[in-house]
Amino acid sequence: MRYIYIVTSVVTVVICAYTVGVHVGRARARADALSAGLQTRIYLLKQMENINAEVVSHSAADIRNVLREKYTIVD
């Protein structure tokens, strides 16, 4: 009878350890996915910021020059 209790308790400990391990693994995977998503989002935002800065610094003068060349008032 004593052996049945020992085997049952060992099996219970193994099942509990497996369940906790699965839970911890899933939580770690969620955290890693969230971190990777945030890093990608930060990279994209920085790229958009650089592109927008370049467009703003060049486009206003270019648009003015094109409009002056095409649509001048003829005297």
N, C-alpha and C. Protein backbone atom coordinates (compact mmCIF):
# COMPACT_ATOMS: atom_id res chain seq x y z
N MET A 1 0.82 -1.19 0.00
CA MET A 1 0.00 0.00 0.00
C MET A 1 0.87 1.26 0.00
N ARG A 2 1.97 1.19 0.72
CA ARG A 2 2.85 2.33 0.79
C ARG A 2 3.43 2.66 -0.58
N TYR A 3 3.71 1.66 -1.41
CA TYR A 3 4.26 1.88 -2.73
C TYR A 3 3.27 2.57 -3.66
N ILE A 4 2.01 2.28 -3.49
CA ILE A 4 0.97 2.94 -4.31
C ILE A 4 0.95 4.43 -4.02
N TYR A 5 1.08 4.82 -2.75
CA TYR A 5 1.11 6.24 -2.39
C TYR A 5 2.36 6.93 -2.98
N ILE A 6 3.48 6.25 -2.92
CA ILE A 6 4.71 6.82 -3.46
C ILE A 6 4.61 7.00 -4.97
N VAL A 7 4.13 5.99 -5.67
CA VAL A 7 3.98 6.07 -7.12
C VAL A 7 2.96 7.14 -7.50
N THR A 8 1.87 7.21 -6.78
CA THR A 8 0.84 8.21 -7.06
C THR A 8 1.39 9.62 -6.83
N SER A 9 2.15 9.81 -5.77
CA SER A 9 2.70 11.14 -5.50
C SER A 9 3.75 11.51 -6.54
N VAL A 10 4.55 10.58 -6.99
CA VAL A 10 5.55 10.87 -8.03
C VAL A 10 4.86 11.23 -9.34
N VAL A 11 3.84 10.49 -9.70
CA VAL A 11 3.10 10.79 -10.92
C VAL A 11 2.44 12.16 -10.82
N THR A 12 1.88 12.48 -9.67
CA THR A 12 1.25 13.78 -9.46
C THR A 12 2.28 14.90 -9.59
N VAL A 13 3.47 14.72 -9.02
CA VAL A 13 4.52 15.74 -9.12
C VAL A 13 4.94 15.92 -10.58
N VAL A 14 5.08 14.84 -11.32
CA VAL A 14 5.48 14.92 -12.72
C VAL A 14 4.41 15.64 -13.54
N ILE A 15 3.16 15.34 -13.31
CA ILE A 15 2.08 16.00 -14.06
C ILE A 15 2.03 17.49 -13.72
N CYS A 16 2.18 17.83 -12.45
CA CYS A 16 2.18 19.24 -12.05
C CYS A 16 3.37 19.98 -12.66
N ALA A 17 4.55 19.36 -12.66
CA ALA A 17 5.73 19.99 -13.24
C ALA A 17 5.54 20.21 -14.74
N TYR A 18 4.95 19.23 -15.42
CA TYR A 18 4.68 19.37 -16.85
C TYR A 18 3.70 20.52 -17.12
N THR A 19 2.64 20.60 -16.34
CA THR A 19 1.64 21.65 -16.50
C THR A 19 2.25 23.03 -16.27
N VAL A 20 3.04 23.16 -15.23
CA VAL A 20 3.70 24.44 -14.95
C VAL A 20 4.69 24.78 -16.06
N GLY A 21 5.42 23.80 -16.55
CA GLY A 21 6.37 24.03 -17.65
C GLY A 21 5.68 24.50 -18.91
N VAL A 22 4.54 23.91 -19.23
CA VAL A 22 3.78 24.35 -20.41
C VAL A 22 3.31 25.78 -20.24
N HIS A 23 2.82 26.10 -19.06
CA HIS A 23 2.34 27.46 -18.78
C HIS A 23 3.47 28.48 -18.90
N VAL A 24 4.62 28.17 -18.31
CA VAL A 24 5.76 29.08 -18.37
C VAL A 24 6.26 29.23 -19.80
N GLY A 25 6.28 28.14 -20.55
CA GLY A 25 6.72 28.18 -21.94
C GLY A 25 5.81 29.04 -22.80
N ARG A 26 4.52 28.91 -22.60
CA ARG A 26 3.57 29.74 -23.36
C ARG A 26 3.72 31.22 -23.02
N ALA A 27 3.89 31.51 -21.74
CA ALA A 27 4.07 32.91 -21.32
C ALA A 27 5.35 33.48 -21.90
N ARG A 28 6.41 32.72 -21.93
CA ARG A 28 7.67 33.17 -22.49
C ARG A 28 7.54 33.39 -24.00
N ALA A 29 6.83 32.50 -24.67
CA ALA A 29 6.63 32.65 -26.11
C ALA A 29 5.82 33.92 -26.41
N ARG A 30 4.79 34.19 -25.62
CA ARG A 30 4.01 35.42 -25.81
C ARG A 30 4.88 36.65 -25.61
N ALA A 31 5.70 36.62 -24.57
CA ALA A 31 6.58 37.77 -24.30
C ALA A 31 7.58 37.97 -25.43
N ASP A 32 8.14 36.89 -25.95
CA ASP A 32 9.09 37.00 -27.06
C ASP A 32 8.42 37.54 -28.32
N ALA A 33 7.21 37.07 -28.59
CA ALA A 33 6.48 37.56 -29.77
C ALA A 33 6.14 39.03 -29.62
N LEU A 34 5.74 39.43 -28.43
CA LEU A 34 5.42 40.83 -28.20
C LEU A 34 6.66 41.70 -28.35
N SER A 35 7.78 41.24 -27.83
CA SER A 35 9.03 41.99 -27.94
C SER A 35 9.47 42.12 -29.40
N ALA A 36 9.37 41.04 -30.15
CA ALA A 36 9.75 41.09 -31.57
C ALA A 36 8.82 42.03 -32.33
N GLY A 37 7.54 42.00 -32.02
CA GLY A 37 6.59 42.90 -32.68
C GLY A 37 6.88 44.35 -32.37
N LEU A 38 7.22 44.63 -31.12
CA LEU A 38 7.54 46.01 -30.74
C LEU A 38 8.82 46.48 -31.41
N GLN A 39 9.82 45.61 -31.50
CA GLN A 39 11.06 45.99 -32.17
C GLN A 39 10.82 46.28 -33.65
N THR A 40 9.99 45.49 -34.29
CA THR A 40 9.66 45.72 -35.69
C THR A 40 8.91 47.04 -35.85
N ARG A 41 7.99 47.29 -34.95
CA ARG A 41 7.21 48.54 -35.02
C ARG A 41 8.11 49.76 -34.81
N ILE A 42 9.03 49.68 -33.86
CA ILE A 42 9.96 50.78 -33.62
C ILE A 42 10.83 51.01 -34.85
N TYR A 43 11.31 49.95 -35.46
CA TYR A 43 12.13 50.08 -36.67
C TYR A 43 11.34 50.75 -37.79
N LEU A 44 10.10 50.33 -37.99
CA LEU A 44 9.28 50.92 -39.04
C LEU A 44 8.98 52.39 -38.77
N LEU A 45 8.72 52.72 -37.52
CA LEU A 45 8.46 54.13 -37.18
C LEU A 45 9.69 55.00 -37.42
N LYS A 46 10.87 54.48 -37.09
CA LYS A 46 12.09 55.24 -37.34
C LYS A 46 12.32 55.42 -38.84
N GLN A 47 12.05 54.38 -39.62
CA GLN A 47 12.19 54.48 -41.06
C GLN A 47 11.21 55.51 -41.63
N MET A 48 9.97 55.48 -41.17
CA MET A 48 8.98 56.45 -41.64
C MET A 48 9.39 57.86 -41.25
N GLU A 49 9.95 58.02 -40.05
CA GLU A 49 10.39 59.32 -39.58
C GLU A 49 11.50 59.86 -40.49
N ASN A 50 12.46 59.02 -40.83
CA ASN A 50 13.55 59.43 -41.71
C ASN A 50 13.04 59.78 -43.11
N ILE A 51 12.14 58.97 -43.63
CA ILE A 51 11.59 59.21 -44.96
C ILE A 51 10.77 60.50 -44.97
N ASN A 52 9.96 60.70 -43.96
CA ASN A 52 9.15 61.92 -43.89
C ASN A 52 10.03 63.16 -43.76
N ALA A 53 11.09 63.07 -43.00
CA ALA A 53 12.00 64.22 -42.87
C ALA A 53 12.64 64.54 -44.21
N GLU A 54 13.02 63.52 -44.94
CA GLU A 54 13.64 63.72 -46.26
C GLU A 54 12.63 64.32 -47.24
N VAL A 55 11.42 63.81 -47.23
CA VAL A 55 10.39 64.31 -48.15
C VAL A 55 10.05 65.76 -47.83
N VAL A 56 9.89 66.07 -46.57
CA VAL A 56 9.52 67.43 -46.19
C VAL A 56 10.64 68.41 -46.55
N SER A 57 11.88 68.01 -46.36
CA SER A 57 12.98 68.93 -46.63
C SER A 57 13.18 69.16 -48.12
N HIS A 58 12.80 68.23 -48.98
CA HIS A 58 13.02 68.37 -50.42
C HIS A 58 11.77 68.76 -51.19
N SER A 59 10.63 68.33 -50.74
CA SER A 59 9.44 68.45 -51.59
C SER A 59 8.93 69.87 -51.72
N ALA A 60 9.02 70.68 -50.68
CA ALA A 60 8.44 72.02 -50.76
C ALA A 60 9.14 72.85 -51.83
N ALA A 61 10.44 72.84 -51.87
CA ALA A 61 11.17 73.61 -52.88
C ALA A 61 10.95 73.03 -54.27
N ASP A 62 10.93 71.71 -54.38
CA ASP A 62 10.72 71.08 -55.68
C ASP A 62 9.34 71.41 -56.23
N ILE A 63 8.33 71.35 -55.39
CA ILE A 63 6.97 71.65 -55.85
C ILE A 63 6.87 73.10 -56.29
N ARG A 64 7.47 74.01 -55.54
CA ARG A 64 7.44 75.42 -55.93
C ARG A 64 8.13 75.65 -57.27
N ASN A 65 9.27 75.02 -57.48
CA ASN A 65 9.98 75.18 -58.75
C ASN A 65 9.18 74.63 -59.92
N VAL A 66 8.57 73.48 -59.74
CA VAL A 66 7.77 72.88 -60.82
C VAL A 66 6.57 73.77 -61.13
N LEU A 67 5.90 74.25 -60.11
CA LEU A 67 4.75 75.12 -60.35
C LEU A 67 5.16 76.42 -61.01
N ARG A 68 6.28 77.00 -60.66
CA ARG A 68 6.75 78.23 -61.31
C ARG A 68 7.08 78.00 -62.77
N GLU A 69 7.69 76.88 -63.07
CA GLU A 69 8.05 76.59 -64.46
C GLU A 69 6.83 76.33 -65.31
N LYS A 70 5.86 75.62 -64.81
CA LYS A 70 4.70 75.24 -65.62
C LYS A 70 3.63 76.35 -65.66
N TYR A 71 3.41 77.01 -64.57
CA TYR A 71 2.27 77.92 -64.47
C TYR A 71 2.70 79.33 -64.13
N THR A 72 3.46 79.96 -64.98
CA THR A 72 3.82 81.35 -64.75
C THR A 72 2.81 82.26 -65.45
N ILE A 73 2.64 83.44 -64.92
CA ILE A 73 1.73 84.40 -65.54
C ILE A 73 2.49 85.10 -66.66
N VAL A 74 1.95 84.99 -67.84
CA VAL A 74 2.60 85.60 -69.00
C VAL A 74 2.15 87.06 -69.07
N ASP A 75 3.15 87.97 -69.15
CA ASP A 75 2.84 89.40 -69.22
C ASP A 75 2.53 89.81 -70.63
